[in-house]
């Protein structure tokens, strides 16, 4: 609220936190699209992308934005950038190095780490050298990303689809009541809430998949005028 108050005074566009970026983004979106009849409680279960909204990757999700807004100083941001480089370097190293094995079959270190029972430090038993600049935080980040890679990739595809709808903007003066292709309930709800995007409109209670599809067709027609 404080950031956007300053941006309003400066006549700049507000910062909009989306559902895939943070829990505050989930909270704000729920309050706007669904409303509340009682005090709102933020639970992880409310976030459909909670596998992405992890504690260990909060810096990667939000630090660049914080730095851009001037909330993070250069020294702290550079420390984050350096840690990110180390993490990425280690992941590439894990992909390339073979694990020491008593059998003839060869395994990459990253495949060993994927095993549920293997912790990062256990890789030493397979002949892996952990560099001195790899902190416990970086080990945790890599371990989580490697072990849950399949699930994370699946969720990232869902986020891509979400972002397509989220970036499909609806004109502020769009007249829902004159749009007969959607249900009357949807027209009433959307007129009241005035969603900024198709993605936001899709999350309004009472708006169906058919309503969203019709809205996309209408907006495409408007874009082509």
C-alpha atoms as a PDB file:
ATOM      1  CA  UNK A   1       0.000   0.000   0.000  1.00  0.00           C
ATOM      2  CA  UNK A   2       2.841   2.383   0.869  1.00  0.00           C
ATOM      3  CA  UNK A   3       4.677   1.678  -2.383  1.00  0.00           C
ATOM      4  CA  UNK A   4       1.588   2.254  -4.494  1.00  0.00           C
ATOM      5  CA  UNK A   5       0.693   5.408  -2.570  1.00  0.00           C
ATOM      6  CA  UNK A   6       4.059   6.859  -3.629  1.00  0.00           C
ATOM      7  CA  UNK A   7       3.557   5.657  -7.201  1.00  0.00           C
ATOM      8  CA  UNK A   8       0.132   7.312  -7.276  1.00  0.00           C
ATOM      9  CA  UNK A   9       1.643  10.630  -6.211  1.00  0.00           C
ATOM     10  CA  UNK A  10       4.355  10.198  -8.866  1.00  0.00           C
ATOM     11  CA  UNK A  11       1.643   9.395 -11.449  1.00  0.00           C
ATOM     12  CA  UNK A  12       3.232   5.973 -12.127  1.00  0.00           C
ATOM     13  CA  UNK A  13       1.560   2.603 -12.655  1.00  0.00           C
ATOM     14  CA  UNK A  14       0.956   0.653  -9.422  1.00  0.00           C
ATOM     15  CA  UNK A  15       2.749  -2.556  -8.490  1.00  0.00           C
ATOM     16  CA  UNK A  16       0.321  -5.478  -8.819  1.00  0.00           C
ATOM     17  CA  UNK A  17       1.315  -8.647  -6.981  1.00  0.00           C
ATOM     18  CA  UNK A  18      -0.105 -11.641  -8.846  1.00  0.00           C
ATOM     19  CA  UNK A  19      -1.152 -14.992  -7.389  1.00  0.00           C
ATOM     20  CA  UNK A  20       1.972 -16.725  -8.685  1.00  0.00           C
ATOM     21  CA  UNK A  21       4.385 -14.215  -7.140  1.00  0.00           C
ATOM     22  CA  UNK A  22       3.558 -14.152  -3.431  1.00  0.00           C
ATOM     23  CA  UNK A  23       1.038 -14.946  -0.716  1.00  0.00           C
ATOM     24  CA  UNK A  24       0.109 -11.283  -0.456  1.00  0.00           C
ATOM     25  CA  UNK A  25      -0.777 -11.524  -4.144  1.00  0.00           C
ATOM     26  CA  UNK A  26      -3.121 -14.430  -3.330  1.00  0.00           C
ATOM     27  CA  UNK A  27      -4.632 -12.497  -0.418  1.00  0.00           C
ATOM     28  CA  UNK A  28      -5.313  -9.329  -2.424  1.00  0.00           C
ATOM     29  CA  UNK A  29      -6.722 -11.261  -5.383  1.00  0.00           C
ATOM     30  CA  UNK A  30      -9.068 -13.244  -3.118  1.00  0.00           C
ATOM     31  CA  UNK A  31     -10.317 -10.084  -1.423  1.00  0.00           C
ATOM     32  CA  UNK A  32     -10.951  -8.373  -4.780  1.00  0.00           C
ATOM     33  CA  UNK A  33     -12.515 -11.250  -6.725  1.00  0.00           C
ATOM     34  CA  UNK A  34     -14.305 -13.227  -3.996  1.00  0.00           C
ATOM     35  CA  UNK A  35     -15.007 -10.707  -1.255  1.00  0.00           C
ATOM     36  CA  UNK A  36     -15.243 -11.663   2.415  1.00  0.00           C
ATOM     37  CA  UNK A  37     -18.093 -12.135   4.885  1.00  0.00           C
ATOM     38  CA  UNK A  38     -15.780 -12.690   7.857  1.00  0.00           C
ATOM     39  CA  UNK A  39     -12.138 -11.969   8.786  1.00  0.00           C
ATOM     40  CA  UNK A  40      -9.813 -13.351   6.096  1.00  0.00           C
ATOM     41  CA  UNK A  41      -7.164 -15.852   7.145  1.00  0.00           C
ATOM     42  CA  UNK A  42      -4.226 -16.558   4.854  1.00  0.00           C
ATOM     43  CA  UNK A  43      -3.592 -20.301   4.575  1.00  0.00           C
ATOM     44  CA  UNK A  44      -1.175 -21.996   2.192  1.00  0.00           C
ATOM     45  CA  UNK A  45      -4.140 -24.067   0.996  1.00  0.00           C
ATOM     46  CA  UNK A  46      -5.609 -20.907  -0.565  1.00  0.00           C
ATOM     47  CA  UNK A  47      -2.689 -20.714  -3.006  1.00  0.00           C
ATOM     48  CA  UNK A  48      -2.961 -23.000  -6.029  1.00  0.00           C
ATOM     49  CA  UNK A  49       0.750 -22.406  -6.788  1.00  0.00           C
ATOM     50  CA  UNK A  50       2.066 -23.122  -3.289  1.00  0.00           C
ATOM     51  CA  UNK A  51       4.752 -25.450  -4.637  1.00  0.00           C
ATOM     52  CA  UNK A  52       6.196 -22.375  -6.350  1.00  0.00           C
ATOM     53  CA  UNK A  53       5.554 -20.048  -3.397  1.00  0.00           C
ATOM     54  CA  UNK A  54       8.147 -21.712  -1.190  1.00  0.00           C
ATOM     55  CA  UNK A  55      10.127 -20.106   1.614  1.00  0.00           C
ATOM     56  CA  UNK A  56      13.468 -21.137   0.090  1.00  0.00           C
ATOM     57  CA  UNK A  57      12.870 -19.307  -3.212  1.00  0.00           C
ATOM     58  CA  UNK A  58      11.272 -16.143  -1.798  1.00  0.00           C
ATOM     59  CA  UNK A  59      14.429 -14.168  -2.589  1.00  0.00           C
ATOM     60  CA  UNK A  60      14.424 -15.320  -6.238  1.00  0.00           C
ATOM     61  CA  UNK A  61      10.750 -14.390  -6.612  1.00  0.00           C
ATOM     62  CA  UNK A  62      10.805 -11.011  -4.881  1.00  0.00           C
ATOM     63  CA  UNK A  63      14.365  -9.693  -4.474  1.00  0.00           C
ATOM     64  CA  UNK A  64      14.666  -8.327  -8.061  1.00  0.00           C
ATOM     65  CA  UNK A  65      11.409  -6.389  -7.618  1.00  0.00           C
ATOM     66  CA  UNK A  66      12.522  -5.092  -4.220  1.00  0.00           C
ATOM     67  CA  UNK A  67      15.810  -3.908  -5.707  1.00  0.00           C
ATOM     68  CA  UNK A  68      14.040  -2.248  -8.650  1.00  0.00           C
ATOM     69  CA  UNK A  69      11.775  -0.368  -6.220  1.00  0.00           C
ATOM     70  CA  UNK A  70      14.702   0.774  -4.084  1.00  0.00           C
ATOM     71  CA  UNK A  71      13.716  -1.347  -1.079  1.00  0.00           C
ATOM     72  CA  UNK A  72      16.859  -3.500  -1.262  1.00  0.00           C
ATOM     73  CA  UNK A  73      20.314  -1.907  -1.102  1.00  0.00           C
ATOM     74  CA  UNK A  74      22.988  -2.738  -3.673  1.00  0.00           C
ATOM     75  CA  UNK A  75      25.195  -4.683  -1.251  1.00  0.00           C
ATOM     76  CA  UNK A  76      22.407  -7.021  -0.198  1.00  0.00           C
ATOM     77  CA  UNK A  77      21.232  -7.474  -3.784  1.00  0.00           C
ATOM     78  CA  UNK A  78      24.750  -8.314  -4.970  1.00  0.00           C
ATOM     79  CA  UNK A  79      24.974 -10.953  -2.237  1.00  0.00           C
ATOM     80  CA  UNK A  80      21.758 -12.483  -3.605  1.00  0.00           C
ATOM     81  CA  UNK A  81      23.101 -12.396  -7.196  1.00  0.00           C
ATOM     82  CA  UNK A  82      26.329 -14.099  -6.131  1.00  0.00           C
ATOM     83  CA  UNK A  83      24.432 -16.850  -4.281  1.00  0.00           C
ATOM     84  CA  UNK A  84      22.245 -17.396  -7.353  1.00  0.00           C
ATOM     85  CA  UNK A  85      25.330 -17.799  -9.540  1.00  0.00           C
ATOM     86  CA  UNK A  86      26.758 -20.374  -7.112  1.00  0.00           C
ATOM     87  CA  UNK A  87      23.477 -22.285  -7.093  1.00  0.00           C
ATOM     88  CA  UNK A  88      23.280 -22.377 -10.893  1.00  0.00           C
ATOM     89  CA  UNK A  89      26.943 -23.389 -11.130  1.00  0.00           C
ATOM     90  CA  UNK A  90      26.378 -26.270  -8.725  1.00  0.00           C
ATOM     91  CA  UNK A  91      23.320 -27.533 -10.616  1.00  0.00           C
ATOM     92  CA  UNK A  92      25.329 -27.639 -13.857  1.00  0.00           C
ATOM     93  CA  UNK A  93      28.129 -29.444 -12.040  1.00  0.00           C
ATOM     94  CA  UNK A  94      25.691 -32.030 -10.673  1.00  0.00           C
ATOM     95  CA  UNK A  95      24.379 -32.665 -14.187  1.00  0.00           C
ATOM     96  CA  UNK A  96      27.864 -33.284 -15.596  1.00  0.00           C
ATOM     97  CA  UNK A  97      29.671 -35.288 -12.903  1.00  0.00           C
ATOM     98  CA  UNK A  98      29.310 -39.065 -12.638  1.00  0.00           C
ATOM     99  CA  UNK A  99      28.796 -40.729  -9.287  1.00  0.00           C
ATOM    100  CA  UNK A 100      31.345 -43.264  -8.058  1.00  0.00           C
ATOM    101  CA  UNK A 101      29.696 -46.684  -8.179  1.00  0.00           C
ATOM    102  CA  UNK A 102      30.699 -50.303  -7.546  1.00  0.00           C
ATOM    103  CA  UNK A 103      28.529 -51.395 -10.469  1.00  0.00           C
ATOM    104  CA  UNK A 104      29.236 -50.799 -14.145  1.00  0.00           C
ATOM    105  CA  UNK A 105      26.162 -48.609 -14.475  1.00  0.00           C
ATOM    106  CA  UNK A 106      26.886 -44.885 -14.500  1.00  0.00           C
ATOM    107  CA  UNK A 107      24.764 -42.314 -12.660  1.00  0.00           C
ATOM    108  CA  UNK A 108      24.942 -38.542 -12.741  1.00  0.00           C
ATOM    109  CA  UNK A 109      25.238 -36.830  -9.378  1.00  0.00           C
ATOM    110  CA  UNK A 110      21.943 -35.043  -9.954  1.00  0.00           C
ATOM    111  CA  UNK A 111      20.192 -38.430 -10.328  1.00  0.00           C
ATOM    112  CA  UNK A 112      21.680 -39.562  -7.005  1.00  0.00           C
ATOM    113  CA  UNK A 113      20.397 -36.389  -5.310  1.00  0.00           C
ATOM    114  CA  UNK A 114      16.900 -37.060  -6.671  1.00  0.00           C
ATOM    115  CA  UNK A 115      16.608 -40.086  -4.413  1.00  0.00           C
ATOM    116  CA  UNK A 116      14.379 -39.251  -1.397  1.00  0.00           C
ATOM    117  CA  UNK A 117      16.799 -40.700   1.139  1.00  0.00           C
ATOM    118  CA  UNK A 118      19.840 -38.762  -0.149  1.00  0.00           C
ATOM    119  CA  UNK A 119      20.770 -35.432   1.474  1.00  0.00           C
ATOM    120  CA  UNK A 120      23.151 -32.993  -0.234  1.00  0.00           C
ATOM    121  CA  UNK A 121      26.091 -33.843   2.025  1.00  0.00           C
ATOM    122  CA  UNK A 122      25.558 -37.555   1.271  1.00  0.00           C
ATOM    123  CA  UNK A 123      26.918 -36.902  -2.232  1.00  0.00           C
ATOM    124  CA  UNK A 124      30.431 -36.938  -0.744  1.00  0.00           C
ATOM    125  CA  UNK A 125      30.093 -40.714  -0.343  1.00  0.00           C
ATOM    126  CA  UNK A 126      29.724 -40.935  -4.113  1.00  0.00           C
ATOM    127  CA  UNK A 127      32.893 -38.960  -4.789  1.00  0.00           C
ATOM    128  CA  UNK A 128      31.363 -35.492  -5.087  1.00  0.00           C
ATOM    129  CA  UNK A 129      33.312 -32.451  -3.911  1.00  0.00           C
ATOM    130  CA  UNK A 130      31.160 -29.724  -2.369  1.00  0.00           C
ATOM    131  CA  UNK A 131      32.800 -26.338  -2.881  1.00  0.00           C
ATOM    132  CA  UNK A 132      33.430 -24.184   0.193  1.00  0.00           C
ATOM    133  CA  UNK A 133      31.142 -21.378  -1.043  1.00  0.00           C
ATOM    134  CA  UNK A 134      28.087 -23.659  -1.130  1.00  0.00           C
ATOM    135  CA  UNK A 135      26.152 -22.658   1.991  1.00  0.00           C
ATOM    136  CA  UNK A 136      23.477 -24.708   3.755  1.00  0.00           C
ATOM    137  CA  UNK A 137      20.815 -22.429   2.247  1.00  0.00           C
ATOM    138  CA  UNK A 138      22.080 -23.125  -1.268  1.00  0.00           C
ATOM    139  CA  UNK A 139      22.183 -26.871  -0.540  1.00  0.00           C
ATOM    140  CA  UNK A 140      18.557 -26.736   0.583  1.00  0.00           C
ATOM    141  CA  UNK A 141      17.483 -24.783  -2.503  1.00  0.00           C
ATOM    142  CA  UNK A 142      19.182 -27.205  -4.881  1.00  0.00           C
ATOM    143  CA  UNK A 143      17.901 -30.284  -3.055  1.00  0.00           C
ATOM    144  CA  UNK A 144      14.289 -29.098  -3.188  1.00  0.00           C
ATOM    145  CA  UNK A 145      14.490 -28.066  -6.839  1.00  0.00           C
ATOM    146  CA  UNK A 146      16.084 -31.368  -7.873  1.00  0.00           C
ATOM    147  CA  UNK A 147      13.864 -33.694  -5.822  1.00  0.00           C
ATOM    148  CA  UNK A 148      10.611 -31.976  -6.851  1.00  0.00           C
ATOM    149  CA  UNK A 149      11.676 -30.992 -10.372  1.00  0.00           C
ATOM    150  CA  UNK A 150       8.850 -32.827 -12.156  1.00  0.00           C
ATOM    151  CA  UNK A 151       6.141 -31.307  -9.959  1.00  0.00           C
ATOM    152  CA  UNK A 152       7.704 -27.841 -10.170  1.00  0.00           C
ATOM    153  CA  UNK A 153       7.902 -27.980 -13.980  1.00  0.00           C
ATOM    154  CA  UNK A 154       4.254 -29.028 -14.166  1.00  0.00           C
ATOM    155  CA  UNK A 155       3.278 -26.104 -11.962  1.00  0.00           C
ATOM    156  CA  UNK A 156       5.351 -23.674 -14.033  1.00  0.00           C
ATOM    157  CA  UNK A 157       3.333 -24.717 -17.117  1.00  0.00           C
ATOM    158  CA  UNK A 158       0.149 -23.973 -15.169  1.00  0.00           C
ATOM    159  CA  UNK A 159       1.590 -20.569 -14.247  1.00  0.00           C
ATOM    160  CA  UNK A 160       2.326 -19.859 -17.930  1.00  0.00           C
ATOM    161  CA  UNK A 161      -1.345 -20.484 -18.753  1.00  0.00           C
ATOM    162  CA  UNK A 162      -2.379 -18.346 -15.784  1.00  0.00           C
ATOM    163  CA  UNK A 163      -0.126 -15.482 -16.925  1.00  0.00           C
ATOM    164  CA  UNK A 164      -1.619 -15.567 -20.435  1.00  0.00           C
ATOM    165  CA  UNK A 165      -5.077 -14.889 -19.002  1.00  0.00           C
ATOM    166  CA  UNK A 166      -3.696 -12.495 -16.389  1.00  0.00           C
ATOM    167  CA  UNK A 167      -2.057 -10.319 -19.027  1.00  0.00           C
ATOM    168  CA  UNK A 168      -5.155 -10.286 -21.232  1.00  0.00           C
ATOM    169  CA  UNK A 169      -6.446  -6.910 -20.087  1.00  0.00           C
ATOM    170  CA  UNK A 170     -10.093  -5.866 -20.094  1.00  0.00           C
ATOM    171  CA  UNK A 171     -10.873  -2.251 -21.074  1.00  0.00           C
ATOM    172  CA  UNK A 172     -11.958  -0.184 -18.074  1.00  0.00           C
ATOM    173  CA  UNK A 173     -15.103   0.954 -19.890  1.00  0.00           C
ATOM    174  CA  UNK A 174     -16.153  -2.552 -20.977  1.00  0.00           C
ATOM    175  CA  UNK A 175     -19.958  -2.834 -20.669  1.00  0.00           C
ATOM    176  CA  UNK A 176     -20.763  -6.301 -19.347  1.00  0.00           C
ATOM    177  CA  UNK A 177     -24.508  -5.670 -19.123  1.00  0.00           C
ATOM    178  CA  UNK A 178     -24.663  -5.230 -22.908  1.00  0.00           C
ATOM    179  CA  UNK A 179     -22.648  -8.411 -23.503  1.00  0.00           C
ATOM    180  CA  UNK A 180     -25.345 -11.066 -24.036  1.00  0.00           C
ATOM    181  CA  UNK A 181     -22.874 -13.899 -24.729  1.00  0.00           C
ATOM    182  CA  UNK A 182     -22.264 -14.426 -21.007  1.00  0.00           C
ATOM    183  CA  UNK A 183     -24.766 -15.351 -18.287  1.00  0.00           C
ATOM    184  CA  UNK A 184     -26.744 -12.683 -16.477  1.00  0.00           C
ATOM    185  CA  UNK A 185     -25.118 -13.699 -13.184  1.00  0.00           C
ATOM    186  CA  UNK A 186     -21.663 -13.222 -14.719  1.00  0.00           C
ATOM    187  CA  UNK A 187     -22.676  -9.815 -16.086  1.00  0.00           C
ATOM    188  CA  UNK A 188     -23.837  -8.677 -12.650  1.00  0.00           C
ATOM    189  CA  UNK A 189     -20.758  -9.972 -10.840  1.00  0.00           C
ATOM    190  CA  UNK A 190     -18.264  -8.585 -13.367  1.00  0.00           C
ATOM    191  CA  UNK A 191     -19.997  -5.202 -13.449  1.00  0.00           C
ATOM    192  CA  UNK A 192     -19.692  -5.006  -9.671  1.00  0.00           C
ATOM    193  CA  UNK A 193     -16.080  -6.191  -9.385  1.00  0.00           C
ATOM    194  CA  UNK A 194     -14.664  -4.651 -12.599  1.00  0.00           C
ATOM    195  CA  UNK A 195     -11.769  -7.125 -13.078  1.00  0.00           C
ATOM    196  CA  UNK A 196      -8.614  -5.795 -14.712  1.00  0.00           C
ATOM    197  CA  UNK A 197      -7.880  -8.973 -16.662  1.00  0.00           C
ATOM    198  CA  UNK A 198      -9.512 -12.124 -18.019  1.00  0.00           C
ATOM    199  CA  UNK A 199      -7.617 -14.141 -15.417  1.00  0.00           C
ATOM    200  CA  UNK A 200      -9.127 -12.086 -12.617  1.00  0.00           C
ATOM    201  CA  UNK A 201     -12.575 -12.365 -14.200  1.00  0.00           C
ATOM    202  CA  UNK A 202     -12.245 -16.156 -14.357  1.00  0.00           C
ATOM    203  CA  UNK A 203     -11.817 -16.323 -10.568  1.00  0.00           C
ATOM    204  CA  UNK A 204     -14.997 -14.391  -9.787  1.00  0.00           C
ATOM    205  CA  UNK A 205     -17.594 -16.754  -8.227  1.00  0.00           C
ATOM    206  CA  UNK A 206     -20.434 -17.358 -10.672  1.00  0.00           C
ATOM    207  CA  UNK A 207     -18.311 -16.841 -13.805  1.00  0.00           C
ATOM    208  CA  UNK A 208     -18.119 -20.096 -15.800  1.00  0.00           C
ATOM    209  CA  UNK A 209     -15.567 -21.423 -18.277  1.00  0.00           C
ATOM    210  CA  UNK A 210     -18.077 -20.662 -21.062  1.00  0.00           C
ATOM    211  CA  UNK A 211     -18.287 -17.039 -19.875  1.00  0.00           C
ATOM    212  CA  UNK A 212     -14.486 -16.731 -19.933  1.00  0.00           C
ATOM    213  CA  UNK A 213     -14.289 -18.236 -23.433  1.00  0.00           C
ATOM    214  CA  UNK A 214     -16.916 -15.808 -24.721  1.00  0.00           C
ATOM    215  CA  UNK A 215     -15.077 -12.910 -23.096  1.00  0.00           C
ATOM    216  CA  UNK A 216     -11.797 -13.927 -24.780  1.00  0.00           C
ATOM    217  CA  UNK A 217     -13.502 -14.068 -28.183  1.00  0.00           C
ATOM    218  CA  UNK A 218     -15.039 -10.625 -27.629  1.00  0.00           C
ATOM    219  CA  UNK A 219     -11.729  -9.070 -26.548  1.00  0.00           C
ATOM    220  CA  UNK A 220      -9.958 -10.595 -29.550  1.00  0.00           C
ATOM    221  CA  UNK A 221     -12.578  -9.033 -31.804  1.00  0.00           C
ATOM    222  CA  UNK A 222     -12.081  -5.651 -30.101  1.00  0.00           C
ATOM    223  CA  UNK A 223      -8.302  -5.931 -30.533  1.00  0.00           C
ATOM    224  CA  UNK A 224      -8.757  -6.541 -34.244  1.00  0.00           C
ATOM    225  CA  UNK A 225     -10.861  -3.443 -34.862  1.00  0.00           C
END
